[in-house]
Amino acid sequence: MILEVAILNVMPGLEDDFLEAFSKAQLIISKMAGYISHQLKRCIENSSRFILLVEWEKLTDHTEGFRGSVQYQEWKSLLHHFYDPFPVVEHYC
């Protein structure tokens, strides 16, 4: 199992819109091959910051399967415009 970790800094004032978009985006990722589970948590000290944790069966399920998919383009269009700066994504085992 691989854990994907992303700190998401959402532009202030767009947090509710981000959460609404994420509710749609999570349906996309949850149907991907190799997907196990995910959690989105909001920071207590900074309400514009979130952490996204996604469990994948293997690294390539995320880096090649999901990111190389048509569904990823929809994910990007739903979420990527909310971030400043763009998140660094890391993987842990």
PDB file of N, CA and C in Angstrom:
ATOM      1  N   MET A   1       0.848  -1.182   0.000  1.00  0.00           N
ATOM      2  CA  MET A   1       0.000   0.000   0.000  1.00  0.00           C
ATOM      3  C   MET A   1       0.885   1.234   0.000  1.00  0.00           C
ATOM      4  N   ILE A   2       0.487   2.219  -0.788  1.00  0.00           N
ATOM      5  CA  ILE A   2       1.187   3.498  -0.904  1.00  0.00           C
ATOM      6  C   ILE A   2       0.245   4.597  -0.420  1.00  0.00           C
ATOM      7  N   LEU A   3       0.792   5.520   0.366  1.00  0.00           N
ATOM      8  CA  LEU A   3       0.008   6.661   0.831  1.00  0.00           C
ATOM      9  C   LEU A   3       0.466   7.912   0.091  1.00  0.00           C
ATOM     10  N   GLU A   4      -0.446   8.505  -0.633  1.00  0.00           N
ATOM     11  CA  GLU A   4      -0.216   9.794  -1.304  1.00  0.00           C
ATOM     12  C   GLU A   4      -0.595  10.887  -0.314  1.00  0.00           C
ATOM     13  N   VAL A   5       0.278  11.880  -0.159  1.00  0.00           N
ATOM     14  CA  VAL A   5       0.037  12.983   0.768  1.00  0.00           C
ATOM     15  C   VAL A   5       0.183  14.293   0.014  1.00  0.00           C
ATOM     16  N   ALA A   6      -0.845  15.136   0.095  1.00  0.00           N
ATOM     17  CA  ALA A   6      -0.797  16.448  -0.549  1.00  0.00           C
ATOM     18  C   ALA A   6      -1.341  17.497   0.413  1.00  0.00           C
ATOM     19  N   ILE A   7      -0.545  18.542   0.631  1.00  0.00           N
ATOM     20  CA  ILE A   7      -1.011  19.699   1.390  1.00  0.00           C
ATOM     21  C   ILE A   7      -1.606  20.663   0.373  1.00  0.00           C
ATOM     22  N   LEU A   8      -2.870  20.992   0.558  1.00  0.00           N
ATOM     23  CA  LEU A   8      -3.613  21.812  -0.401  1.00  0.00           C
ATOM     24  C   LEU A   8      -3.865  23.186   0.199  1.00  0.00           C
ATOM     25  N   ASN A   9      -3.201  24.203  -0.329  1.00  0.00           N
ATOM     26  CA  ASN A   9      -3.428  25.580   0.098  1.00  0.00           C
ATOM     27  C   ASN A   9      -4.436  26.203  -0.859  1.00  0.00           C
ATOM     28  N   VAL A  10      -5.649  26.338  -0.367  1.00  0.00           N
ATOM     29  CA  VAL A  10      -6.748  26.884  -1.167  1.00  0.00           C
ATOM     30  C   VAL A  10      -6.738  28.411  -1.008  1.00  0.00           C
ATOM     31  N   MET A  11      -6.965  29.113  -2.102  1.00  0.00           N
ATOM     32  CA  MET A  11      -7.000  30.576  -2.039  1.00  0.00           C
ATOM     33  C   MET A  11      -8.085  31.026  -1.058  1.00  0.00           C
ATOM     34  N   PRO A  12      -7.736  31.912  -0.140  1.00  0.00           N
ATOM     35  CA  PRO A  12      -8.709  32.384   0.852  1.00  0.00           C
ATOM     36  C   PRO A  12      -9.982  32.911   0.197  1.00  0.00           C
ATOM     37  N   GLY A  13     -11.094  32.534   0.802  1.00  0.00           N
ATOM     38  CA  GLY A  13     -12.406  32.927   0.297  1.00  0.00           C
ATOM     39  C   GLY A  13     -13.033  31.906  -0.635  1.00  0.00           C
ATOM     40  N   LEU A  14     -12.227  30.917  -1.084  1.00  0.00           N
ATOM     41  CA  LEU A  14     -12.737  29.905  -2.016  1.00  0.00           C
ATOM     42  C   LEU A  14     -12.909  28.534  -1.357  1.00  0.00           C
ATOM     43  N   GLU A  15     -12.790  28.479  -0.055  1.00  0.00           N
ATOM     44  CA  GLU A  15     -12.832  27.196   0.650  1.00  0.00           C
ATOM     45  C   GLU A  15     -14.153  26.455   0.441  1.00  0.00           C
ATOM     46  N   ASP A  16     -15.271  27.141   0.527  1.00  0.00           N
ATOM     47  CA  ASP A  16     -16.567  26.476   0.341  1.00  0.00           C
ATOM     48  C   ASP A  16     -16.730  25.968  -1.091  1.00  0.00           C
ATOM     49  N   ASP A  17     -16.282  26.763  -2.054  1.00  0.00           N
ATOM     50  CA  ASP A  17     -16.336  26.319  -3.452  1.00  0.00           C
ATOM     51  C   ASP A  17     -15.437  25.111  -3.669  1.00  0.00           C
ATOM     52  N   PHE A  18     -14.261  25.141  -3.046  1.00  0.00           N
ATOM     53  CA  PHE A  18     -13.350  23.997  -3.133  1.00  0.00           C
ATOM     54  C   PHE A  18     -14.007  22.735  -2.572  1.00  0.00           C
ATOM     55  N   LEU A  19     -14.615  22.843  -1.406  1.00  0.00           N
ATOM     56  CA  LEU A  19     -15.251  21.676  -0.789  1.00  0.00           C
ATOM     57  C   LEU A  19     -16.385  21.137  -1.656  1.00  0.00           C
ATOM     58  N   GLU A  20     -17.130  22.016  -2.283  1.00  0.00           N
ATOM     59  CA  GLU A  20     -18.199  21.586  -3.186  1.00  0.00           C
ATOM     60  C   GLU A  20     -17.616  20.848  -4.397  1.00  0.00           C
ATOM     61  N   ALA A  21     -16.549  21.405  -4.965  1.00  0.00           N
ATOM     62  CA  ALA A  21     -15.901  20.757  -6.110  1.00  0.00           C
ATOM     63  C   ALA A  21     -15.273  19.428  -5.700  1.00  0.00           C
ATOM     64  N   PHE A  22     -14.689  19.378  -4.504  1.00  0.00           N
ATOM     65  CA  PHE A  22     -14.067  18.137  -4.050  1.00  0.00           C
ATOM     66  C   PHE A  22     -15.115  17.038  -3.863  1.00  0.00           C
ATOM     67  N   SER A  23     -16.313  17.406  -3.456  1.00  0.00           N
ATOM     68  CA  SER A  23     -17.362  16.390  -3.287  1.00  0.00           C
ATOM     69  C   SER A  23     -17.659  15.692  -4.608  1.00  0.00           C
ATOM     70  N   LYS A  24     -17.500  16.404  -5.722  1.00  0.00           N
ATOM     71  CA  LYS A  24     -17.662  15.795  -7.045  1.00  0.00           C
ATOM     72  C   LYS A  24     -16.403  15.035  -7.444  1.00  0.00           C
ATOM     73  N   ALA A  25     -15.241  15.634  -7.183  1.00  0.00           N
ATOM     74  CA  ALA A  25     -13.966  15.037  -7.590  1.00  0.00           C
ATOM     75  C   ALA A  25     -13.694  13.710  -6.874  1.00  0.00           C
ATOM     76  N   GLN A  26     -14.134  13.596  -5.629  1.00  0.00           N
ATOM     77  CA  GLN A  26     -13.864  12.355  -4.899  1.00  0.00           C
ATOM     78  C   GLN A  26     -14.574  11.159  -5.529  1.00  0.00           C
ATOM     79  N   LEU A  27     -15.651  11.400  -6.231  1.00  0.00           N
ATOM     80  CA  LEU A  27     -16.336  10.315  -6.932  1.00  0.00           C
ATOM     81  C   LEU A  27     -15.503   9.806  -8.105  1.00  0.00           C
ATOM     82  N   ILE A  28     -14.691  10.697  -8.680  1.00  0.00           N
ATOM     83  CA  ILE A  28     -13.819  10.310  -9.783  1.00  0.00           C
ATOM     84  C   ILE A  28     -12.699   9.417  -9.281  1.00  0.00           C
ATOM     85  N   ILE A  29     -11.976   9.888  -8.269  1.00  0.00           N
ATOM     86  CA  ILE A  29     -10.796   9.154  -7.801  1.00  0.00           C
ATOM     87  C   ILE A  29     -11.185   7.813  -7.186  1.00  0.00           C
ATOM     88  N   SER A  30     -12.320   7.760  -6.541  1.00  0.00           N
ATOM     89  CA  SER A  30     -12.716   6.525  -5.851  1.00  0.00           C
ATOM     90  C   SER A  30     -13.045   5.383  -6.805  1.00  0.00           C
ATOM     91  N   LYS A  31     -13.181   5.689  -8.086  1.00  0.00           N
ATOM     92  CA  LYS A  31     -13.484   4.645  -9.077  1.00  0.00           C
ATOM     93  C   LYS A  31     -12.242   4.180  -9.841  1.00  0.00           C
ATOM     94  N   MET A  32     -11.083   4.747  -9.522  1.00  0.00           N
ATOM     95  CA  MET A  32      -9.867   4.434 -10.262  1.00  0.00           C
ATOM     96  C   MET A  32      -9.280   3.088  -9.839  1.00  0.00           C
ATOM     97  N   ALA A  33      -8.658   2.407 -10.781  1.00  0.00           N
ATOM     98  CA  ALA A  33      -7.984   1.136 -10.493  1.00  0.00           C
ATOM     99  C   ALA A  33      -6.880   1.382  -9.469  1.00  0.00           C
ATOM    100  N   GLY A  34      -6.811   0.538  -8.461  1.00  0.00           N
ATOM    101  CA  GLY A  34      -5.784   0.637  -7.440  1.00  0.00           C
ATOM    102  C   GLY A  34      -6.129   1.544  -6.273  1.00  0.00           C
ATOM    103  N   TYR A  35      -7.216   2.292  -6.384  1.00  0.00           N
ATOM    104  CA  TYR A  35      -7.654   3.171  -5.299  1.00  0.00           C
ATOM    105  C   TYR A  35      -8.122   2.321  -4.117  1.00  0.00           C
ATOM    106  N   ILE A  36      -7.711   2.713  -2.910  1.00  0.00           N
ATOM    107  CA  ILE A  36      -8.162   2.027  -1.694  1.00  0.00           C
ATOM    108  C   ILE A  36      -9.083   2.938  -0.874  1.00  0.00           C
ATOM    109  N   SER A  37      -8.593   4.132  -0.532  1.00  0.00           N
ATOM    110  CA  SER A  37      -9.396   5.042   0.290  1.00  0.00           C
ATOM    111  C   SER A  37      -8.789   6.442   0.228  1.00  0.00           C
ATOM    112  N   HIS A  38      -9.535   7.412   0.748  1.00  0.00           N
ATOM    113  CA  HIS A  38      -8.999   8.769   0.854  1.00  0.00           C
ATOM    114  C   HIS A  38      -9.627   9.490   2.034  1.00  0.00           C
ATOM    115  N   GLN A  39      -8.910  10.521   2.491  1.00  0.00           N
ATOM    116  CA  GLN A  39      -9.409  11.419   3.523  1.00  0.00           C
ATOM    117  C   GLN A  39      -9.008  12.836   3.146  1.00  0.00           C
ATOM    118  N   LEU A  40      -9.895  13.767   3.335  1.00  0.00           N
ATOM    119  CA  LEU A  40      -9.594  15.180   3.198  1.00  0.00           C
ATOM    120  C   LEU A  40      -9.855  15.806   4.557  1.00  0.00           C
ATOM    121  N   LYS A  41      -8.835  16.458   5.112  1.00  0.00           N
ATOM    122  CA  LYS A  41      -8.949  17.078   6.433  1.00  0.00           C
ATOM    123  C   LYS A  41      -8.607  18.558   6.324  1.00  0.00           C
ATOM    124  N   ARG A  42      -9.341  19.369   7.063  1.00  0.00           N
ATOM    125  CA  ARG A  42      -9.110  20.818   7.072  1.00  0.00           C
ATOM    126  C   ARG A  42      -8.235  21.178   8.262  1.00  0.00           C
ATOM    127  N   CYS A  43      -7.290  22.064   8.049  1.00  0.00           N
ATOM    128  CA  CYS A  43      -6.383  22.510   9.098  1.00  0.00           C
ATOM    129  C   CYS A  43      -7.141  23.367  10.120  1.00  0.00           C
ATOM    130  N   ILE A  44      -6.864  23.143  11.376  1.00  0.00           N
ATOM    131  CA  ILE A  44      -7.501  23.913  12.442  1.00  0.00           C
ATOM    132  C   ILE A  44      -6.913  25.330  12.501  1.00  0.00           C
ATOM    133  N   GLU A  45      -5.586  25.435  12.386  1.00  0.00           N
ATOM    134  CA  GLU A  45      -4.920  26.729  12.514  1.00  0.00           C
ATOM    135  C   GLU A  45      -5.057  27.616  11.277  1.00  0.00           C
ATOM    136  N   ASN A  46      -5.252  27.014  10.117  1.00  0.00           N
ATOM    137  CA  ASN A  46      -5.353  27.767   8.861  1.00  0.00           C
ATOM    138  C   ASN A  46      -6.500  27.164   8.056  1.00  0.00           C
ATOM    139  N   SER A  47      -7.648  27.797   8.088  1.00  0.00           N
ATOM    140  CA  SER A  47      -8.853  27.211   7.490  1.00  0.00           C
ATOM    141  C   SER A  47      -8.811  27.156   5.964  1.00  0.00           C
ATOM    142  N   SER A  48      -7.783  27.730   5.355  1.00  0.00           N
ATOM    143  CA  SER A  48      -7.616  27.639   3.897  1.00  0.00           C
ATOM    144  C   SER A  48      -6.713  26.475   3.496  1.00  0.00           C
ATOM    145  N   ARG A  49      -6.172  25.743   4.472  1.00  0.00           N
ATOM    146  CA  ARG A  49      -5.258  24.640   4.191  1.00  0.00           C
ATOM    147  C   ARG A  49      -5.951  23.299   4.493  1.00  0.00           C
ATOM    148  N   PHE A  50      -5.740  22.359   3.577  1.00  0.00           N
ATOM    149  CA  PHE A  50      -6.295  21.012   3.704  1.00  0.00           C
ATOM    150  C   PHE A  50      -5.172  20.007   3.479  1.00  0.00           C
ATOM    151  N   ILE A  51      -5.371  18.808   3.985  1.00  0.00           N
ATOM    152  CA  ILE A  51      -4.468  17.712   3.665  1.00  0.00           C
ATOM    153  C   ILE A  51      -5.302  16.616   3.009  1.00  0.00           C
ATOM    154  N   LEU A  52      -4.770  16.108   1.917  1.00  0.00           N
ATOM    155  CA  LEU A  52      -5.426  15.008   1.210  1.00  0.00           C
ATOM    156  C   LEU A  52      -4.542  13.778   1.343  1.00  0.00           C
ATOM    157  N   LEU A  53      -5.122  12.716   1.847  1.00  0.00           N
ATOM    158  CA  LEU A  53      -4.441  11.434   2.002  1.00  0.00           C
ATOM    159  C   LEU A  53      -5.177  10.418   1.141  1.00  0.00           C
ATOM    160  N   VAL A  54      -4.454   9.799   0.221  1.00  0.00           N
ATOM    161  CA  VAL A  54      -5.065   8.792  -0.648  1.00  0.00           C
ATOM    162  C   VAL A  54      -4.235   7.522  -0.568  1.00  0.00           C
ATOM    163  N   GLU A  55      -4.891   6.411  -0.295  1.00  0.00           N
ATOM    164  CA  GLU A  55      -4.221   5.115  -0.292  1.00  0.00           C
ATOM    165  C   GLU A  55      -4.408   4.441  -1.642  1.00  0.00           C
ATOM    166  N   TRP A  56      -3.291   3.992  -2.203  1.00  0.00           N
ATOM    167  CA  TRP A  56      -3.267   3.289  -3.484  1.00  0.00           C
ATOM    168  C   TRP A  56      -2.635   1.919  -3.275  1.00  0.00           C
ATOM    169  N   GLU A  57      -3.016   0.961  -4.102  1.00  0.00           N
ATOM    170  CA  GLU A  57      -2.408  -0.364  -4.023  1.00  0.00           C
ATOM    171  C   GLU A  57      -0.925  -0.293  -4.348  1.00  0.00           C
ATOM    172  N   LYS A  58      -0.575   0.453  -5.403  1.00  0.00           N
ATOM    173  CA  LYS A  58       0.837   0.622  -5.761  1.00  0.00           C
ATOM    174  C   LYS A  58       1.047   2.021  -6.327  1.00  0.00           C
ATOM    175  N   LEU A  59       2.296   2.457  -6.340  1.00  0.00           N
ATOM    176  CA  LEU A  59       2.628   3.813  -6.759  1.00  0.00           C
ATOM    177  C   LEU A  59       2.129   4.123  -8.161  1.00  0.00           C
ATOM    178  N   THR A  60       2.313   3.204  -9.076  1.00  0.00           N
ATOM    179  CA  THR A  60       1.922   3.459 -10.472  1.00  0.00           C
ATOM    180  C   THR A  60       0.408   3.584 -10.656  1.00  0.00           C
ATOM    181  N   ASP A  61      -0.379   3.073  -9.705  1.00  0.00           N
ATOM    182  CA  ASP A  61      -1.830   3.297  -9.784  1.00  0.00           C
ATOM    183  C   ASP A  61      -2.136   4.786  -9.742  1.00  0.00           C
ATOM    184  N   HIS A  62      -1.327   5.533  -8.990  1.00  0.00           N
ATOM    185  CA  HIS A  62      -1.515   6.977  -8.926  1.00  0.00           C
ATOM    186  C   HIS A  62      -0.756   7.689 -10.036  1.00  0.00           C
ATOM    187  N   THR A  63       0.557   7.442 -10.116  1.00  0.00           N
ATOM    188  CA  THR A  63       1.418   8.234 -10.998  1.00  0.00           C
ATOM    189  C   THR A  63       1.183   7.972 -12.480  1.00  0.00           C
ATOM    190  N   GLU A  64       0.809   6.773 -12.833  1.00  0.00           N
ATOM    191  CA  GLU A  64       0.572   6.452 -14.241  1.00  0.00           C
ATOM    192  C   GLU A  64      -0.917   6.236 -14.529  1.00  0.00           C
ATOM    193  N   GLY A  65      -1.556   5.384 -13.722  1.00  0.00           N
ATOM    194  CA  GLY A  65      -2.963   5.060 -13.968  1.00  0.00           C
ATOM    195  C   GLY A  65      -3.879   6.262 -13.835  1.00  0.00           C
ATOM    196  N   PHE A  66      -3.880   6.887 -12.656  1.00  0.00           N
ATOM    197  CA  PHE A  66      -4.776   8.019 -12.432  1.00  0.00           C
ATOM    198  C   PHE A  66      -4.323   9.247 -13.212  1.00  0.00           C
ATOM    199  N   ARG A  67      -3.066   9.629 -13.055  1.00  0.00           N
ATOM    200  CA  ARG A  67      -2.591  10.852 -13.716  1.00  0.00           C
ATOM    201  C   ARG A  67      -2.579  10.748 -15.239  1.00  0.00           C
ATOM    202  N   GLY A  68      -2.536   9.546 -15.756  1.00  0.00           N
ATOM    203  CA  GLY A  68      -2.553   9.371 -17.201  1.00  0.00           C
ATOM    204  C   GLY A  68      -3.936   9.154 -17.779  1.00  0.00           C
ATOM    205  N   SER A  69      -4.949   9.251 -16.943  1.00  0.00           N
ATOM    206  CA  SER A  69      -6.309   8.916 -17.371  1.00  0.00           C
ATOM    207  C   SER A  69      -7.098  10.137 -17.839  1.00  0.00           C
ATOM    208  N   VAL A  70      -8.145   9.875 -18.575  1.00  0.00           N
ATOM    209  CA  VAL A  70      -9.092  10.908 -18.975  1.00  0.00           C
ATOM    210  C   VAL A  70      -9.763  11.495 -17.732  1.00  0.00           C
ATOM    211  N   GLN A  71     -10.023  10.649 -16.754  1.00  0.00           N
ATOM    212  CA  GLN A  71     -10.677  11.101 -15.527  1.00  0.00           C
ATOM    213  C   GLN A  71      -9.836  12.146 -14.790  1.00  0.00           C
ATOM    214  N   TYR A  72      -8.507  12.026 -14.892  1.00  0.00           N
ATOM    215  CA  TYR A  72      -7.630  13.004 -14.240  1.00  0.00           C
ATOM    216  C   TYR A  72      -7.835  14.395 -14.828  1.00  0.00           C
ATOM    217  N   GLN A  73      -8.134  14.487 -16.103  1.00  0.00           N
ATOM    218  CA  GLN A  73      -8.387  15.785 -16.715  1.00  0.00           C
ATOM    219  C   GLN A  73      -9.620  16.448 -16.088  1.00  0.00           C
ATOM    220  N   GLU A  74     -10.620  15.648 -15.796  1.00  0.00           N
ATOM    221  CA  GLU A  74     -11.820  16.174 -15.118  1.00  0.00           C
ATOM    222  C   GLU A  74     -11.476  16.592 -13.687  1.00  0.00           C
ATOM    223  N   TRP A  75     -10.676  15.771 -12.983  1.00  0.00           N
ATOM    224  CA  TRP A  75     -10.201  16.086 -11.631  1.00  0.00           C
ATOM    225  C   TRP A  75      -9.484  17.446 -11.644  1.00  0.00           C
ATOM    226  N   LYS A  76      -8.569  17.614 -12.591  1.00  0.00           N
ATOM    227  CA  LYS A  76      -7.821  18.868 -12.721  1.00  0.00           C
ATOM    228  C   LYS A  76      -8.746  20.052 -12.939  1.00  0.00           C
ATOM    229  N   SER A  77      -9.710  19.896 -13.823  1.00  0.00           N
ATOM    230  CA  SER A  77     -10.602  21.022 -14.130  1.00  0.00           C
ATOM    231  C   SER A  77     -11.480  21.389 -12.932  1.00  0.00           C
ATOM    232  N   LEU A  78     -11.785  20.416 -12.096  1.00  0.00           N
ATOM    233  CA  LEU A  78     -12.589  20.676 -10.901  1.00  0.00           C
ATOM    234  C   LEU A  78     -11.782  21.358  -9.795  1.00  0.00           C
ATOM    235  N   LEU A  79     -10.506  20.981  -9.644  1.00  0.00           N
ATOM    236  CA  LEU A  79      -9.775  21.355  -8.426  1.00  0.00           C
ATOM    237  C   LEU A  79      -8.553  22.246  -8.592  1.00  0.00           C
ATOM    238  N   HIS A  80      -7.806  22.108  -9.651  1.00  0.00           N
ATOM    239  CA  HIS A  80      -6.483  22.731  -9.691  1.00  0.00           C
ATOM    240  C   HIS A  80      -6.491  24.260  -9.650  1.00  0.00           C
ATOM    241  N   HIS A  81      -7.561  24.892 -10.043  1.00  0.00           N
ATOM    242  CA  HIS A  81      -7.604  26.358 -10.027  1.00  0.00           C
ATOM    243  C   HIS A  81      -7.792  26.947  -8.628  1.00  0.00           C
ATOM    244  N   PHE A  82      -8.018  26.104  -7.622  1.00  0.00           N
ATOM    245  CA  PHE A  82      -8.190  26.589  -6.251  1.00  0.00           C
ATOM    246  C   PHE A  82      -6.867  26.785  -5.515  1.00  0.00           C
ATOM    247  N   TYR A  83      -5.763  26.226  -6.001  1.00  0.00           N
ATOM    248  CA  TYR A  83      -4.526  26.140  -5.233  1.00  0.00           C
ATOM    249  C   TYR A  83      -3.568  27.293  -5.498  1.00  0.00           C
ATOM    250  N   ASP A  84      -2.989  27.802  -4.405  1.00  0.00           N
ATOM    251  CA  ASP A  84      -1.905  28.772  -4.492  1.00  0.00           C
ATOM    252  C   ASP A  84      -1.083  28.688  -3.212  1.00  0.00           C
ATOM    253  N   PRO A  85       0.119  28.155  -3.298  1.00  0.00           N
ATOM    254  CA  PRO A  85       0.793  27.617  -4.482  1.00  0.00           C
ATOM    255  C   PRO A  85       0.264  26.227  -4.823  1.00  0.00           C
ATOM    256  N   PHE A  86       0.683  25.735  -5.982  1.00  0.00           N
ATOM    257  CA  PHE A  86       0.271  24.389  -6.379  1.00  0.00           C
ATOM    258  C   PHE A  86       0.898  23.379  -5.429  1.00  0.00           C
ATOM    259  N   PRO A  87       0.138  22.368  -5.007  1.00  0.00           N
ATOM    260  CA  PRO A  87       0.645  21.444  -3.981  1.00  0.00           C
ATOM    261  C   PRO A  87       1.770  20.529  -4.472  1.00  0.00           C
ATOM    262  N   VAL A  88       2.640  20.222  -3.523  1.00  0.00           N
ATOM    263  CA  VAL A  88       3.635  19.174  -3.721  1.00  0.00           C
ATOM    264  C   VAL A  88       2.987  17.883  -3.252  1.00  0.00           C
ATOM    265  N   VAL A  89       3.089  16.856  -4.067  1.00  0.00           N
ATOM    266  CA  VAL A  89       2.507  15.558  -3.726  1.00  0.00           C
ATOM    267  C   VAL A  89       3.649  14.591  -3.451  1.00  0.00           C
ATOM    268  N   GLU A  90       3.575  13.903  -2.315  1.00  0.00           N
ATOM    269  CA  GLU A  90       4.591  12.921  -1.941  1.00  0.00           C
ATOM    270  C   GLU A  90       3.922  11.592  -1.677  1.00  0.00           C
ATOM    271  N   HIS A  91       4.730  10.545  -1.757  1.00  0.00           N
ATOM    272  CA  HIS A  91       4.233   9.172  -1.554  1.00  0.00           C
ATOM    273  C   HIS A  91       5.020   8.494  -0.450  1.00  0.00           C
ATOM    274  N   TYR A  92       4.325   7.732   0.370  1.00  0.00           N
ATOM    275  CA  TYR A  92       4.930   7.049   1.506  1.00  0.00           C
ATOM    276  C   TYR A  92       4.527   5.576   1.500  1.00  0.00           C
ATOM    277  N   CYS A  93       5.422   4.756   2.047  1.00  0.00           N
ATOM    278  CA  CYS A  93       5.086   3.328   2.164  1.00  0.00           C
ATOM    279  C   CYS A  93       5.284   2.863   3.601  1.00  0.00           C
TER     280      CYS A  93
END
